[in-house]
Amino acid sequence: MAAKPPALNKALLRFLLKVNLIGMSLVLAASIVVHTVIHPPRADPPPYSPPPTAQDLWPVGGSPAPLPGPTFTFPPLPPPGQLSTLPLLPVR
């Protein structure tokens, strides 16, 4: 004989639903108060520069050209079926 699952208590489910709705409403109200009254959004411009698309991208006449970035080269791969030694990194 199989055991029957316990019956759902509808009063308990209604109570939990009401508690959750009240709790979520209080959290929403508190976050609205915090974000509008206690810590309103800043009205001054942001402390960082505008994105590069809004700036002049061409260098000024007297400024030097930017330095090139590093280039990385890897040794060629050995032919298939042939073992090779692992490349060693230089130690400073």
Protein backbone atom coordinates (compact mmCIF):
# COMPACT_ATOMS: atom_id res chain seq x y z
CA MET A 1 0.00 0.00 0.00
CA ALA A 2 1.51 3.34 -1.13
CA ALA A 3 1.68 6.26 1.26
CA LYS A 4 -0.47 9.25 0.38
CA PRO A 5 1.20 12.65 0.08
CA PRO A 6 0.21 15.09 2.82
CA ALA A 7 -2.73 17.35 1.96
CA LEU A 8 -1.94 20.99 1.27
CA ASN A 9 -3.10 23.30 3.98
CA LYS A 10 -4.78 26.13 2.05
CA ALA A 11 -4.80 28.46 5.05
CA LEU A 12 -1.03 28.04 5.43
CA LEU A 13 -0.49 28.70 1.71
CA ARG A 14 -2.62 31.86 1.84
CA PHE A 15 -0.70 33.07 4.90
CA LEU A 16 2.68 32.46 3.24
CA LEU A 17 1.53 34.23 0.08
CA LYS A 18 0.39 37.27 2.05
CA VAL A 19 3.62 37.36 4.08
CA ASN A 20 5.71 37.18 0.89
CA LEU A 21 3.71 39.92 -0.84
CA ILE A 22 3.92 42.22 2.18
CA GLY A 23 7.66 41.53 2.53
CA MET A 24 8.37 42.23 -1.14
CA SER A 25 6.31 45.44 -0.97
CA LEU A 26 8.29 46.63 2.05
CA VAL A 27 11.60 45.86 0.35
CA LEU A 28 10.49 47.72 -2.80
CA ALA A 29 9.34 50.74 -0.78
CA ALA A 30 12.58 50.80 1.20
CA SER A 31 14.70 50.63 -1.95
CA ILE A 32 12.72 53.49 -3.50
CA VAL A 33 13.33 55.61 -0.39
CA VAL A 34 17.02 54.75 -0.31
CA HIS A 35 17.62 55.46 -4.01
CA THR A 36 15.61 58.69 -4.19
CA VAL A 37 15.86 60.32 -0.76
CA ILE A 38 18.94 59.01 1.05
CA HIS A 39 21.30 58.46 -1.92
CA PRO A 40 19.86 60.34 -4.91
CA PRO A 41 21.60 60.01 -8.28
CA ARG A 42 24.49 62.39 -8.87
CA ALA A 43 23.76 65.52 -10.88
CA ASP A 44 27.40 66.41 -11.63
CA PRO A 45 29.21 64.83 -14.59
CA PRO A 46 30.92 61.48 -14.08
CA PRO A 47 34.54 61.54 -12.86
CA TYR A 48 35.85 59.77 -15.98
CA SER A 49 36.51 61.11 -19.46
CA PRO A 50 34.00 60.61 -22.25
CA PRO A 51 34.43 57.59 -24.51
CA PRO A 52 36.98 57.83 -27.34
CA THR A 53 34.27 58.24 -29.97
CA ALA A 54 33.44 61.67 -28.52
CA GLN A 55 37.06 62.85 -28.36
CA ASP A 56 39.38 63.97 -31.15
CA LEU A 57 41.15 60.79 -32.23
CA TRP A 58 43.83 62.47 -34.35
CA PRO A 59 47.10 63.33 -32.57
CA VAL A 60 47.93 66.97 -31.99
CA GLY A 61 50.72 68.38 -34.17
CA GLY A 62 53.45 68.38 -31.48
CA SER A 63 52.58 65.11 -29.77
CA PRO A 64 54.71 62.02 -30.44
CA ALA A 65 53.25 58.95 -32.07
CA PRO A 66 52.05 56.26 -29.66
CA LEU A 67 54.46 53.42 -28.93
CA PRO A 68 53.67 50.12 -30.62
CA GLY A 69 52.45 47.30 -28.42
CA PRO A 70 54.42 44.12 -27.80
CA THR A 71 54.42 41.44 -30.44
CA PHE A 72 54.41 37.78 -29.52
CA THR A 73 55.90 35.13 -31.75
CA PHE A 74 55.71 31.40 -31.29
CA PRO A 75 58.15 28.85 -32.71
CA PRO A 76 56.84 26.80 -35.65
CA LEU A 77 55.13 23.53 -34.84
CA PRO A 78 57.05 20.32 -35.54
CA PRO A 79 55.85 18.00 -38.31
CA PRO A 80 53.16 15.53 -37.25
CA GLY A 81 54.49 12.47 -35.43
CA GLN A 82 57.78 14.11 -34.44
CA LEU A 83 58.48 15.09 -30.82
CA SER A 84 60.06 18.41 -29.96
CA THR A 85 61.47 19.96 -26.82
CA LEU A 86 59.39 22.44 -24.89
CA PRO A 87 60.42 26.08 -25.41
CA LEU A 88 62.02 27.60 -22.33
CA LEU A 89 61.17 31.09 -21.19
CA PRO A 90 64.04 33.49 -20.51
CA VAL A 91 64.81 34.06 -16.83
CA ARG A 92 65.67 37.54 -15.64
